[in-house]
Amino acid sequence: MIEQRSASIQQVAANTNEISGQSIQAASKAQEGNKSVDQAVAQMTQIEQTVTKSAEVVAKLRERSKEIGQIVDAIAGIASQTNLLALNAAIEAARARTGTWLCCCGRGSAKLFNQAWM
């Protein structure tokens, strides 16, 4: 009976040692997992910062695009007015050429008209 109890105690001690070893391994794996989670969180934080900066850049680009659009509209307006002025100058030059517009500017416009259209 003492031998059986001694064998049982030795078996319990062996099981306890095995469980202790497994517990140490589990704790080690848990620490590795914790490090992995920390790294993942750090990477996600970095991604968040990059996305935030990208969003800021896109917002600035949107504003600059609006400004460029306004400049293009202004240039288009100026071009339209310039075309109207050129048309008016051509009409006046044609008048000067036909003699219906007689002044010093008319003759100059007529010369320009002849050079441009002939």
PDB file of N, CA and C in Angstrom:
ATOM      1  N   MET A   1       0.807  -1.161   0.000  1.00  0.00           N
ATOM      2  CA  MET A   1       0.000   0.000   0.000  1.00  0.00           C
ATOM      3  C   MET A   1       0.872   1.254   0.000  1.00  0.00           C
ATOM      4  N   ILE A   2       1.924   1.261   0.769  1.00  0.00           N
ATOM      5  CA  ILE A   2       2.824   2.406   0.802  1.00  0.00           C
ATOM      6  C   ILE A   2       3.493   2.546  -0.563  1.00  0.00           C
ATOM      7  N   GLU A   3       3.767   1.453  -1.170  1.00  0.00           N
ATOM      8  CA  GLU A   3       4.409   1.505  -2.485  1.00  0.00           C
ATOM      9  C   GLU A   3       3.454   2.107  -3.509  1.00  0.00           C
ATOM     10  N   GLN A   4       2.183   1.747  -3.388  1.00  0.00           N
ATOM     11  CA  GLN A   4       1.192   2.307  -4.314  1.00  0.00           C
ATOM     12  C   GLN A   4       1.047   3.812  -4.114  1.00  0.00           C
ATOM     13  N   ARG A   5       1.039   4.215  -2.835  1.00  0.00           N
ATOM     14  CA  ARG A   5       0.922   5.641  -2.564  1.00  0.00           C
ATOM     15  C   ARG A   5       2.167   6.372  -3.027  1.00  0.00           C
ATOM     16  N   SER A   6       3.293   5.762  -2.830  1.00  0.00           N
ATOM     17  CA  SER A   6       4.550   6.357  -3.277  1.00  0.00           C
ATOM     18  C   SER A   6       4.546   6.475  -4.789  1.00  0.00           C
ATOM     19  N   ALA A   7       4.050   5.437  -5.475  1.00  0.00           N
ATOM     20  CA  ALA A   7       3.977   5.489  -6.933  1.00  0.00           C
ATOM     21  C   ALA A   7       2.986   6.544  -7.370  1.00  0.00           C
ATOM     22  N   SER A   8       1.871   6.673  -6.668  1.00  0.00           N
ATOM     23  CA  SER A   8       0.861   7.686  -6.989  1.00  0.00           C
ATOM     24  C   SER A   8       1.429   9.083  -6.796  1.00  0.00           C
ATOM     25  N   ILE A   9       2.160   9.266  -5.712  1.00  0.00           N
ATOM     26  CA  ILE A   9       2.761  10.585  -5.434  1.00  0.00           C
ATOM     27  C   ILE A   9       3.777  10.921  -6.520  1.00  0.00           C
ATOM     28  N   GLN A  10       4.554   9.947  -6.941  1.00  0.00           N
ATOM     29  CA  GLN A  10       5.542  10.172  -7.996  1.00  0.00           C
ATOM     30  C   GLN A  10       4.842  10.511  -9.317  1.00  0.00           C
ATOM     31  N   GLN A  11       3.716   9.830  -9.572  1.00  0.00           N
ATOM     32  CA  GLN A  11       2.940  10.109 -10.785  1.00  0.00           C
ATOM     33  C   GLN A  11       2.375  11.522 -10.735  1.00  0.00           C
ATOM     34  N   VAL A  12       1.855  11.906  -9.564  1.00  0.00           N
ATOM     35  CA  VAL A  12       1.317  13.275  -9.397  1.00  0.00           C
ATOM     36  C   VAL A  12       2.438  14.281  -9.576  1.00  0.00           C
ATOM     37  N   ALA A  13       3.604  14.011  -9.017  1.00  0.00           N
ATOM     38  CA  ALA A  13       4.750  14.925  -9.153  1.00  0.00           C
ATOM     39  C   ALA A  13       5.162  15.035 -10.614  1.00  0.00           C
ATOM     40  N   ALA A  14       5.186  13.920 -11.350  1.00  0.00           N
ATOM     41  CA  ALA A  14       5.546  13.940 -12.771  1.00  0.00           C
ATOM     42  C   ALA A  14       4.519  14.732 -13.559  1.00  0.00           C
ATOM     43  N   ASN A  15       3.220  14.492 -13.266  1.00  0.00           N
ATOM     44  CA  ASN A  15       2.146  15.241 -13.941  1.00  0.00           C
ATOM     45  C   ASN A  15       2.259  16.732 -13.649  1.00  0.00           C
ATOM     46  N   THR A  16       2.565  17.059 -12.381  1.00  0.00           N
ATOM     47  CA  THR A  16       2.708  18.461 -11.986  1.00  0.00           C
ATOM     48  C   THR A  16       3.859  19.110 -12.734  1.00  0.00           C
ATOM     49  N   ASN A  17       4.976  18.400 -12.865  1.00  0.00           N
ATOM     50  CA  ASN A  17       6.127  18.928 -13.608  1.00  0.00           C
ATOM     51  C   ASN A  17       5.771  19.142 -15.082  1.00  0.00           C
ATOM     52  N   GLU A  18       5.038  18.189 -15.644  1.00  0.00           N
ATOM     53  CA  GLU A  18       4.639  18.308 -17.040  1.00  0.00           C
ATOM     54  C   GLU A  18       3.695  19.501 -17.220  1.00  0.00           C
ATOM     55  N   ILE A  19       2.746  19.628 -16.322  1.00  0.00           N
ATOM     56  CA  ILE A  19       1.799  20.750 -16.382  1.00  0.00           C
ATOM     57  C   ILE A  19       2.536  22.076 -16.186  1.00  0.00           C
ATOM     58  N   SER A  20       3.499  22.083 -15.299  1.00  0.00           N
ATOM     59  CA  SER A  20       4.290  23.292 -15.059  1.00  0.00           C
ATOM     60  C   SER A  20       5.043  23.691 -16.330  1.00  0.00           C
ATOM     61  N   GLY A  21       5.630  22.696 -16.996  1.00  0.00           N
ATOM     62  CA  GLY A  21       6.340  22.962 -18.257  1.00  0.00           C
ATOM     63  C   GLY A  21       5.399  23.498 -19.327  1.00  0.00           C
ATOM     64  N   GLN A  22       4.215  22.888 -19.401  1.00  0.00           N
ATOM     65  CA  GLN A  22       3.234  23.348 -20.385  1.00  0.00           C
ATOM     66  C   GLN A  22       2.737  24.756 -20.058  1.00  0.00           C
ATOM     67  N   SER A  23       2.598  25.039 -18.772  1.00  0.00           N
ATOM     68  CA  SER A  23       2.182  26.378 -18.354  1.00  0.00           C
ATOM     69  C   SER A  23       3.236  27.416 -18.735  1.00  0.00           C
ATOM     70  N   ILE A  24       4.491  27.071 -18.570  1.00  0.00           N
ATOM     71  CA  ILE A  24       5.585  27.980 -18.947  1.00  0.00           C
ATOM     72  C   ILE A  24       5.566  28.217 -20.463  1.00  0.00           C
ATOM     73  N   GLN A  25       5.352  27.139 -21.221  1.00  0.00           N
ATOM     74  CA  GLN A  25       5.267  27.283 -22.679  1.00  0.00           C
ATOM     75  C   GLN A  25       4.062  28.143 -23.077  1.00  0.00           C
ATOM     76  N   ALA A  26       2.949  27.920 -22.401  1.00  0.00           N
ATOM     77  CA  ALA A  26       1.746  28.703 -22.695  1.00  0.00           C
ATOM     78  C   ALA A  26       1.980  30.176 -22.380  1.00  0.00           C
ATOM     79  N   ALA A  27       2.647  30.459 -21.268  1.00  0.00           N
ATOM     80  CA  ALA A  27       2.951  31.845 -20.897  1.00  0.00           C
ATOM     81  C   ALA A  27       3.884  32.472 -21.924  1.00  0.00           C
ATOM     82  N   SER A  28       4.850  31.701 -22.380  1.00  0.00           N
ATOM     83  CA  SER A  28       5.778  32.196 -23.411  1.00  0.00           C
ATOM     84  C   SER A  28       5.032  32.508 -24.708  1.00  0.00           C
ATOM     85  N   LYS A  29       4.149  31.601 -25.120  1.00  0.00           N
ATOM     86  CA  LYS A  29       3.346  31.814 -26.342  1.00  0.00           C
ATOM     87  C   LYS A  29       2.425  33.032 -26.170  1.00  0.00           C
ATOM     88  N   ALA A  30       1.889  33.200 -24.975  1.00  0.00           N
ATOM     89  CA  ALA A  30       1.020  34.345 -24.706  1.00  0.00           C
ATOM     90  C   ALA A  30       1.811  35.644 -24.822  1.00  0.00           C
ATOM     91  N   GLN A  31       3.045  35.651 -24.332  1.00  0.00           N
ATOM     92  CA  GLN A  31       3.886  36.845 -24.449  1.00  0.00           C
ATOM     93  C   GLN A  31       4.205  37.136 -25.919  1.00  0.00           C
ATOM     94  N   GLU A  32       4.494  36.085 -26.692  1.00  0.00           N
ATOM     95  CA  GLU A  32       4.749  36.262 -28.126  1.00  0.00           C
ATOM     96  C   GLU A  32       3.503  36.819 -28.817  1.00  0.00           C
ATOM     97  N   GLY A  33       2.350  36.274 -28.435  1.00  0.00           N
ATOM     98  CA  GLY A  33       1.091  36.767 -28.992  1.00  0.00           C
ATOM     99  C   GLY A  33       0.851  38.224 -28.624  1.00  0.00           C
ATOM    100  N   ASN A  34       1.166  38.585 -27.398  1.00  0.00           N
ATOM    101  CA  ASN A  34       1.014  39.963 -26.942  1.00  0.00           C
ATOM    102  C   ASN A  34       1.918  40.894 -27.749  1.00  0.00           C
ATOM    103  N   LYS A  35       3.152  40.446 -28.004  1.00  0.00           N
ATOM    104  CA  LYS A  35       4.074  41.250 -28.818  1.00  0.00           C
ATOM    105  C   LYS A  35       3.523  41.418 -30.233  1.00  0.00           C
ATOM    106  N   SER A  36       2.979  40.343 -30.779  1.00  0.00           N
ATOM    107  CA  SER A  36       2.401  40.415 -32.124  1.00  0.00           C
ATOM    108  C   SER A  36       1.226  41.386 -32.176  1.00  0.00           C
ATOM    109  N   VAL A  37       0.387  41.336 -31.155  1.00  0.00           N
ATOM    110  CA  VAL A  37      -0.756  42.253 -31.093  1.00  0.00           C
ATOM    111  C   VAL A  37      -0.255  43.692 -30.968  1.00  0.00           C
ATOM    112  N   ASP A  38       0.762  43.922 -30.132  1.00  0.00           N
ATOM    113  CA  ASP A  38       1.325  45.269 -29.988  1.00  0.00           C
ATOM    114  C   ASP A  38       1.876  45.777 -31.320  1.00  0.00           C
ATOM    115  N   GLN A  39       2.567  44.897 -32.057  1.00  0.00           N
ATOM    116  CA  GLN A  39       3.103  45.287 -33.362  1.00  0.00           C
ATOM    117  C   GLN A  39       1.969  45.604 -34.339  1.00  0.00           C
ATOM    118  N   ALA A  40       0.922  44.802 -34.309  1.00  0.00           N
ATOM    119  CA  ALA A  40      -0.219  45.040 -35.200  1.00  0.00           C
ATOM    120  C   ALA A  40      -0.886  46.375 -34.874  1.00  0.00           C
ATOM    121  N   VAL A  41      -1.027  46.666 -33.581  1.00  0.00           N
ATOM    122  CA  VAL A  41      -1.628  47.938 -33.169  1.00  0.00           C
ATOM    123  C   VAL A  41      -0.750  49.105 -33.611  1.00  0.00           C
ATOM    124  N   ALA A  42       0.568  48.956 -33.460  1.00  0.00           N
ATOM    125  CA  ALA A  42       1.494  50.018 -33.880  1.00  0.00           C
ATOM    126  C   ALA A  42       1.395  50.242 -35.396  1.00  0.00           C
ATOM    127  N   GLN A  43       1.313  49.157 -36.155  1.00  0.00           N
ATOM    128  CA  GLN A  43       1.184  49.283 -37.604  1.00  0.00           C
ATOM    129  C   GLN A  43      -0.150  49.925 -37.983  1.00  0.00           C
ATOM    130  N   MET A  44      -1.219  49.555 -37.283  1.00  0.00           N
ATOM    131  CA  MET A  44      -2.525  50.161 -37.559  1.00  0.00           C
ATOM    132  C   MET A  44      -2.506  51.654 -37.243  1.00  0.00           C
ATOM    133  N   THR A  45      -1.831  52.024 -36.182  1.00  0.00           N
ATOM    134  CA  THR A  45      -1.701  53.434 -35.826  1.00  0.00           C
ATOM    135  C   THR A  45      -0.947  54.188 -36.918  1.00  0.00           C
ATOM    136  N   GLN A  46       0.114  53.565 -37.404  1.00  0.00           N
ATOM    137  CA  GLN A  46       0.893  54.182 -38.486  1.00  0.00           C
ATOM    138  C   GLN A  46       0.040  54.312 -39.753  1.00  0.00           C
ATOM    139  N   ILE A  47      -0.730  53.294 -40.054  1.00  0.00           N
ATOM    140  CA  ILE A  47      -1.630  53.349 -41.224  1.00  0.00           C
ATOM    141  C   ILE A  47      -2.651  54.465 -41.037  1.00  0.00           C
ATOM    142  N   GLU A  48      -3.197  54.582 -39.841  1.00  0.00           N
ATOM    143  CA  GLU A  48      -4.176  55.638 -39.566  1.00  0.00           C
ATOM    144  C   GLU A  48      -3.557  57.016 -39.792  1.00  0.00           C
ATOM    145  N   GLN A  49      -2.333  57.205 -39.319  1.00  0.00           N
ATOM    146  CA  GLN A  49      -1.658  58.488 -39.495  1.00  0.00           C
ATOM    147  C   GLN A  49      -1.410  58.768 -40.982  1.00  0.00           C
ATOM    148  N   THR A  50      -1.010  57.740 -41.716  1.00  0.00           N
ATOM    149  CA  THR A  50      -0.759  57.908 -43.146  1.00  0.00           C
ATOM    150  C   THR A  50      -2.047  58.250 -43.881  1.00  0.00           C
ATOM    151  N   VAL A  51      -3.118  57.573 -43.547  1.00  0.00           N
ATOM    152  CA  VAL A  51      -4.412  57.843 -44.192  1.00  0.00           C
ATOM    153  C   VAL A  51      -4.887  59.257 -43.847  1.00  0.00           C
ATOM    154  N   THR A  52      -4.686  59.669 -42.608  1.00  0.00           N
ATOM    155  CA  THR A  52      -5.079  61.018 -42.195  1.00  0.00           C
ATOM    156  C   THR A  52      -4.291  62.066 -42.980  1.00  0.00           C
ATOM    157  N   LYS A  53      -2.989  61.849 -43.112  1.00  0.00           N
ATOM    158  CA  LYS A  53      -2.164  62.785 -43.891  1.00  0.00           C
ATOM    159  C   LYS A  53      -2.595  62.794 -45.349  1.00  0.00           C
ATOM    160  N   SER A  54      -2.891  61.623 -45.881  1.00  0.00           N
ATOM    161  CA  SER A  54      -3.352  61.539 -47.270  1.00  0.00           C
ATOM    162  C   SER A  54      -4.660  62.299 -47.459  1.00  0.00           C
ATOM    163  N   ALA A  55      -5.556  62.167 -46.509  1.00  0.00           N
ATOM    164  CA  ALA A  55      -6.837  62.880 -46.576  1.00  0.00           C
ATOM    165  C   ALA A  55      -6.607  64.390 -46.542  1.00  0.00           C
ATOM    166  N   GLU A  56      -5.658  64.826 -45.729  1.00  0.00           N
ATOM    167  CA  GLU A  56      -5.336  66.259 -45.678  1.00  0.00           C
ATOM    168  C   GLU A  56      -4.783  66.736 -47.016  1.00  0.00           C
ATOM    169  N   VAL A  57      -3.913  65.936 -47.625  1.00  0.00           N
ATOM    170  CA  VAL A  57      -3.346  66.296 -48.923  1.00  0.00           C
ATOM    171  C   VAL A  57      -4.441  66.363 -49.979  1.00  0.00           C
ATOM    172  N   VAL A  58      -5.353  65.403 -49.955  1.00  0.00           N
ATOM    173  CA  VAL A  58      -6.460  65.399 -50.923  1.00  0.00           C
ATOM    174  C   VAL A  58      -7.335  66.629 -50.726  1.00  0.00           C
ATOM    175  N   ALA A  59      -7.578  67.015 -49.477  1.00  0.00           N
ATOM    176  CA  ALA A  59      -8.382  68.214 -49.207  1.00  0.00           C
ATOM    177  C   ALA A  59      -7.685  69.458 -49.751  1.00  0.00           C
ATOM    178  N   LYS A  60      -6.370  69.541 -49.551  1.00  0.00           N
ATOM    179  CA  LYS A  60      -5.610  70.680 -50.087  1.00  0.00           C
ATOM    180  C   LYS A  60      -5.652  70.679 -51.610  1.00  0.00           C
ATOM    181  N   LEU A  61      -5.519  69.499 -52.208  1.00  0.00           N
ATOM    182  CA  LEU A  61      -5.585  69.406 -53.665  1.00  0.00           C
ATOM    183  C   LEU A  61      -6.956  69.838 -54.176  1.00  0.00           C
ATOM    184  N   ARG A  62      -8.005  69.482 -53.446  1.00  0.00           N
ATOM    185  CA  ARG A  62      -9.354  69.884 -53.829  1.00  0.00           C
ATOM    186  C   ARG A  62      -9.461  71.406 -53.831  1.00  0.00           C
ATOM    187  N   GLU A  63      -8.918  72.046 -52.796  1.00  0.00           N
ATOM    188  CA  GLU A  63      -8.951  73.505 -52.722  1.00  0.00           C
ATOM    189  C   GLU A  63      -8.148  74.130 -53.859  1.00  0.00           C
ATOM    190  N   ARG A  64      -6.976  73.577 -54.116  1.00  0.00           N
ATOM    191  CA  ARG A  64      -6.135  74.103 -55.208  1.00  0.00           C
ATOM    192  C   ARG A  64      -6.828  73.902 -56.545  1.00  0.00           C
ATOM    193  N   SER A  65      -7.518  72.786 -56.689  1.00  0.00           N
ATOM    194  CA  SER A  65      -8.241  72.513 -57.921  1.00  0.00           C
ATOM    195  C   SER A  65      -9.334  73.555 -58.131  1.00  0.00           C
ATOM    196  N   LYS A  66     -10.025  73.918 -57.045  1.00  0.00           N
ATOM    197  CA  LYS A  66     -11.051  74.960 -57.138  1.00  0.00           C
ATOM    198  C   LYS A  66     -10.424  76.279 -57.576  1.00  0.00           C
ATOM    199  N   GLU A  67      -9.271  76.599 -56.987  1.00  0.00           N
ATOM    200  CA  GLU A  67      -8.581  77.834 -57.348  1.00  0.00           C
ATOM    201  C   GLU A  67      -8.175  77.816 -58.817  1.00  0.00           C
ATOM    202  N   ILE A  68      -7.655  76.682 -59.260  1.00  0.00           N
ATOM    203  CA  ILE A  68      -7.254  76.560 -60.666  1.00  0.00           C
ATOM    204  C   ILE A  68      -8.473  76.698 -61.568  1.00  0.00           C
ATOM    205  N   GLY A  69      -9.586  76.109 -61.155  1.00  0.00           N
ATOM    206  CA  GLY A  69     -10.826  76.235 -61.927  1.00  0.00           C
ATOM    207  C   GLY A  69     -11.253  77.688 -62.050  1.00  0.00           C
ATOM    208  N   GLN A  70     -11.125  78.446 -60.965  1.00  0.00           N
ATOM    209  CA  GLN A  70     -11.472  79.861 -61.002  1.00  0.00           C
ATOM    210  C   GLN A  70     -10.544  80.629 -61.941  1.00  0.00           C
ATOM    211  N   ILE A  71      -9.264  80.285 -61.917  1.00  0.00           N
ATOM    212  CA  ILE A  71      -8.300  80.934 -62.811  1.00  0.00           C
ATOM    213  C   ILE A  71      -8.632  80.606 -64.263  1.00  0.00           C
ATOM    214  N   VAL A  72      -8.950  79.344 -64.520  1.00  0.00           N
ATOM    215  CA  VAL A  72      -9.312  78.938 -65.883  1.00  0.00           C
ATOM    216  C   VAL A  72     -10.565  79.680 -66.336  1.00  0.00           C
ATOM    217  N   ASP A  73     -11.539  79.828 -65.451  1.00  0.00           N
ATOM    218  CA  ASP A  73     -12.748  80.580 -65.794  1.00  0.00           C
ATOM    219  C   ASP A  73     -12.412  82.031 -66.124  1.00  0.00           C
ATOM    220  N   ALA A  74     -11.522  82.632 -65.335  1.00  0.00           N
ATOM    221  CA  ALA A  74     -11.119  84.014 -65.589  1.00  0.00           C
ATOM    222  C   ALA A  74     -10.415  84.121 -66.943  1.00  0.00           C
ATOM    223  N   ILE A  75      -9.535  83.163 -67.240  1.00  0.00           N
ATOM    224  CA  ILE A  75      -8.827  83.170 -68.529  1.00  0.00           C
ATOM    225  C   ILE A  75      -9.821  82.993 -69.665  1.00  0.00           C
ATOM    226  N   ALA A  76     -10.793  82.111 -69.487  1.00  0.00           N
ATOM    227  CA  ALA A  76     -11.809  81.910 -70.528  1.00  0.00           C
ATOM    228  C   ALA A  76     -12.600  83.192 -70.750  1.00  0.00           C
ATOM    229  N   GLY A  77     -12.928  83.896 -69.674  1.00  0.00           N
ATOM    230  CA  GLY A  77     -13.631  85.171 -69.806  1.00  0.00           C
ATOM    231  C   GLY A  77     -12.805  86.201 -70.544  1.00  0.00           C
ATOM    232  N   ILE A  78     -11.531  86.269 -70.209  1.00  0.00           N
ATOM    233  CA  ILE A  78     -10.632  87.207 -70.887  1.00  0.00           C
ATOM    234  C   ILE A  78     -10.510  86.838 -72.359  1.00  0.00           C
ATOM    235  N   ALA A  79     -10.387  85.542 -72.643  1.00  0.00           N
ATOM    236  CA  ALA A  79     -10.281  85.098 -74.037  1.00  0.00           C
ATOM    237  C   ALA A  79     -11.546  85.457 -74.810  1.00  0.00           C
ATOM    238  N   SER A  80     -12.696  85.283 -74.179  1.00  0.00           N
ATOM    239  CA  SER A  80     -13.958  85.632 -74.829  1.00  0.00           C
ATOM    240  C   SER A  80     -14.010  87.121 -75.128  1.00  0.00           C
ATOM    241  N   GLN A  81     -13.618  87.936 -74.149  1.00  0.00           N
ATOM    242  CA  GLN A  81     -13.608  89.380 -74.366  1.00  0.00           C
ATOM    243  C   GLN A  81     -12.590  89.759 -75.438  1.00  0.00           C
ATOM    244  N   THR A  82     -11.440  89.073 -75.438  1.00  0.00           N
ATOM    245  CA  THR A  82     -10.419  89.353 -76.446  1.00  0.00           C
ATOM    246  C   THR A  82     -10.943  89.008 -77.835  1.00  0.00           C
ATOM    247  N   ASN A  83     -11.660  87.895 -77.929  1.00  0.00           N
ATOM    248  CA  ASN A  83     -12.256  87.531 -79.217  1.00  0.00           C
ATOM    249  C   ASN A  83     -13.259  88.573 -79.674  1.00  0.00           C
ATOM    250  N   LEU A  84     -14.065  89.086 -78.736  1.00  0.00           N
ATOM    251  CA  LEU A  84     -15.022  90.136 -79.082  1.00  0.00           C
ATOM    252  C   LEU A  84     -14.303  91.403 -79.528  1.00  0.00           C
ATOM    253  N   LEU A  85     -13.234  91.746 -78.825  1.00  0.00           N
ATOM    254  CA  LEU A  85     -12.456  92.925 -79.218  1.00  0.00           C
ATOM    255  C   LEU A  85     -11.825  92.732 -80.596  1.00  0.00           C
ATOM    256  N   ALA A  86     -11.321  91.528 -80.855  1.00  0.00           N
ATOM    257  CA  ALA A  86     -10.723  91.245 -82.165  1.00  0.00           C
ATOM    258  C   ALA A  86     -11.785  91.321 -83.252  1.00  0.00           C
ATOM    259  N   LEU A  87     -12.973  90.785 -82.976  1.00  0.00           N
ATOM    260  CA  LEU A  87     -14.065  90.858 -83.947  1.00  0.00           C
ATOM    261  C   LEU A  87     -14.456  92.311 -84.198  1.00  0.00           C
ATOM    262  N   ASN A  88     -14.559  93.073 -83.114  1.00  0.00           N
ATOM    263  CA  ASN A  88     -14.888  94.493 -83.260  1.00  0.00           C
ATOM    264  C   ASN A  88     -13.815  95.212 -84.062  1.00  0.00           C
ATOM    265  N   ALA A  89     -12.544  94.910 -83.786  1.00  0.00           N
ATOM    266  CA  ALA A  89     -11.457  95.534 -84.535  1.00  0.00           C
ATOM    267  C   ALA A  89     -11.533  95.150 -86.008  1.00  0.00           C
ATOM    268  N   ALA A  90     -11.871  93.905 -86.299  1.00  0.00           N
ATOM    269  CA  ALA A  90     -11.986  93.467 -87.691  1.00  0.00           C
ATOM    270  C   ALA A  90     -13.138  94.187 -88.382  1.00  0.00           C
ATOM    271  N   ILE A  91     -14.247  94.361 -87.665  1.00  0.00           N
ATOM    272  CA  ILE A  91     -15.392  95.081 -88.232  1.00  0.00           C
ATOM    273  C   ILE A  91     -15.005  96.532 -88.515  1.00  0.00           C
ATOM    274  N   GLU A  92     -14.337  97.143 -87.551  1.00  0.00           N
ATOM    275  CA  GLU A  92     -13.924  98.535 -87.744  1.00  0.00           C
ATOM    276  C   GLU A  92     -12.907  98.641 -88.876  1.00  0.00           C
ATOM    277  N   ALA A  93     -12.022  97.644 -88.988  1.00  0.00           N
ATOM    278  CA  ALA A  93     -11.048  97.659 -90.070  1.00  0.00           C
ATOM    279  C   ALA A  93     -11.751  97.517 -91.411  1.00  0.00           C
ATOM    280  N   ALA A  94     -12.767  96.675 -91.447  1.00  0.00           N
ATOM    281  CA  ALA A  94     -13.523  96.518 -92.691  1.00  0.00           C
ATOM    282  C   ALA A  94     -14.234  97.819 -93.032  1.00  0.00           C
ATOM    283  N   ARG A  95     -14.757  98.496 -92.030  1.00  0.00           N
ATOM    284  CA  ARG A  95     -15.392  99.799 -92.275  1.00  0.00           C
ATOM    285  C   ARG A  95     -14.376 100.792 -92.815  1.00  0.00           C
ATOM    286  N   ALA A  96     -13.204 100.794 -92.188  1.00  0.00           N
ATOM    287  CA  ALA A  96     -12.169 101.728 -92.635  1.00  0.00           C
ATOM    288  C   ALA A  96     -11.760 101.424 -94.064  1.00  0.00           C
ATOM    289  N   ARG A  97     -11.731 100.183 -94.391  1.00  0.00           N
ATOM    290  CA  ARG A  97     -11.333  99.772 -95.731  1.00  0.00           C
ATOM    291  C   ARG A  97     -12.377 100.219 -96.753  1.00  0.00           C
ATOM    292  N   THR A  98     -13.614 100.191 -96.357  1.00  0.00           N
ATOM    293  CA  THR A  98     -14.678 100.597 -97.283  1.00  0.00           C
ATOM    294  C   THR A  98     -14.919 102.090 -97.225  1.00  0.00           C
ATOM    295  N   GLY A  99     -14.253 102.775 -96.310  1.00  0.00           N
ATOM    296  CA  GLY A  99     -14.363 104.218 -96.243  1.00  0.00           C
ATOM    297  C   GLY A  99     -15.458 104.720 -95.356  1.00  0.00           C
ATOM    298  N   THR A 100     -16.109 103.869 -94.587  1.00  0.00           N
ATOM    299  CA  THR A 100     -17.202 104.330 -93.731  1.00  0.00           C
ATOM    300  C   THR A 100     -16.702 104.781 -92.369  1.00  0.00           C
ATOM    301  N   TRP A 101     -15.434 104.545 -92.089  1.00  0.00           N
ATOM    302  CA  TRP A 101     -14.883 104.934 -90.790  1.00  0.00           C
ATOM    303  C   TRP A 101     -13.619 105.704 -91.058  1.00  0.00           C
ATOM    304  N   LEU A 102     -13.641 106.999 -90.921  1.00  0.00           N
ATOM    305  CA  LEU A 102     -12.514 107.821 -91.324  1.00  0.00           C
ATOM    306  C   LEU A 102     -11.920 108.530 -90.130  1.00  0.00           C
ATOM    307  N   CYS A 103     -10.859 107.993 -89.660  1.00  0.00           N
ATOM    308  CA  CYS A 103     -10.045 108.679 -88.660  1.00  0.00           C
ATOM    309  C   CYS A 103      -8.666 108.063 -88.697  1.00  0.00           C
ATOM    310  N   CYS A 104      -7.744 108.603 -87.926  1.00  0.00           N
ATOM    311  CA  CYS A 104      -6.370 108.096 -87.981  1.00  0.00           C
ATOM    312  C   CYS A 104      -6.296 106.647 -87.506  1.00  0.00           C
ATOM    313  N   CYS A 105      -7.099 106.302 -86.553  1.00  0.00           N
ATOM    314  CA  CYS A 105      -7.107 104.928 -86.059  1.00  0.00           C
ATOM    315  C   CYS A 105      -7.668 103.989 -87.103  1.00  0.00           C
ATOM    316  N   GLY A 106      -8.599 104.490 -87.894  1.00  0.00           N
ATOM    317  CA  GLY A 106      -9.218 103.659 -88.915  1.00  0.00           C
ATOM    318  C   GLY A 106      -8.222 103.174 -89.933  1.00  0.00           C
ATOM    319  N   ARG A 107      -7.356 104.047 -90.351  1.00  0.00           N
ATOM    320  CA  ARG A 107      -6.356 103.655 -91.351  1.00  0.00           C
ATOM    321  C   ARG A 107      -5.403 102.609 -90.767  1.00  0.00           C
ATOM    322  N   GLY A 108      -5.019 102.800 -89.502  1.00  0.00           N
ATOM    323  CA  GLY A 108      -4.151 101.813 -88.849  1.00  0.00           C
ATOM    324  C   GLY A 108      -4.846 100.475 -88.712  1.00  0.00           C
ATOM    325  N   SER A 109      -6.125 100.526 -88.346  1.00  0.00           N
ATOM    326  CA  SER A 109      -6.884  99.286 -88.232  1.00  0.00           C
ATOM    327  C   SER A 109      -7.045  98.633 -89.583  1.00  0.00           C
ATOM    328  N   ALA A 110      -7.226  99.462 -90.619  1.00  0.00           N
ATOM    329  CA  ALA A 110      -7.372  98.907 -91.961  1.00  0.00           C
ATOM    330  C   ALA A 110      -6.101  98.190 -92.383  1.00  0.00           C
ATOM    331  N   LYS A 111      -4.965  98.773 -92.076  1.00  0.00           N
ATOM    332  CA  LYS A 111      -3.697  98.108 -92.407  1.00  0.00           C
ATOM    333  C   LYS A 111      -3.583  96.773 -91.665  1.00  0.00           C
ATOM    334  N   LEU A 112      -3.949  96.796 -90.373  1.00  0.00           N
ATOM    335  CA  LEU A 112      -3.909  95.548 -89.601  1.00  0.00           C
ATOM    336  C   LEU A 112      -4.864  94.527 -90.185  1.00  0.00           C
ATOM    337  N   PHE A 113      -6.043  94.989 -90.571  1.00  0.00           N
ATOM    338  CA  PHE A 113      -7.024  94.101 -91.145  1.00  0.00           C
ATOM    339  C   PHE A 113      -6.497  93.484 -92.451  1.00  0.00           C
ATOM    340  N   ASN A 114      -5.894  94.325 -93.281  1.00  0.00           N
ATOM    341  CA  ASN A 114      -5.349  93.817 -94.553  1.00  0.00           C
ATOM    342  C   ASN A 114      -4.235  92.805 -94.290  1.00  0.00           C
ATOM    343  N   GLN A 115      -3.390  93.075 -93.322  1.00  0.00           N
ATOM    344  CA  GLN A 115      -2.299  92.161 -93.029  1.00  0.00           C
ATOM    345  C   GLN A 115      -2.825  90.840 -92.447  1.00  0.00           C
ATOM    346  N   ALA A 116      -3.860  90.951 -91.607  1.00  0.00           N
ATOM    347  CA  ALA A 116      -4.369  89.758 -90.957  1.00  0.00           C
ATOM    348  C   ALA A 116      -5.223  88.902 -91.875  1.00  0.00           C
ATOM    349  N   TRP A 117      -5.988  89.538 -92.781  1.00  0.00           N
ATOM    350  CA  TRP A 117      -6.970  88.806 -93.565  1.00  0.00           C
ATOM    351  C   TRP A 117      -6.550  88.577 -95.016  1.00  0.00           C
ATOM    352  N   MET A 118      -5.527  89.209 -95.444  1.00  0.00           N
ATOM    353  CA  MET A 118      -5.127  89.057 -96.851  1.00  0.00           C
ATOM    354  C   MET A 118      -3.887  88.200 -96.964  1.00  0.00           C
TER     355      MET A 118
END
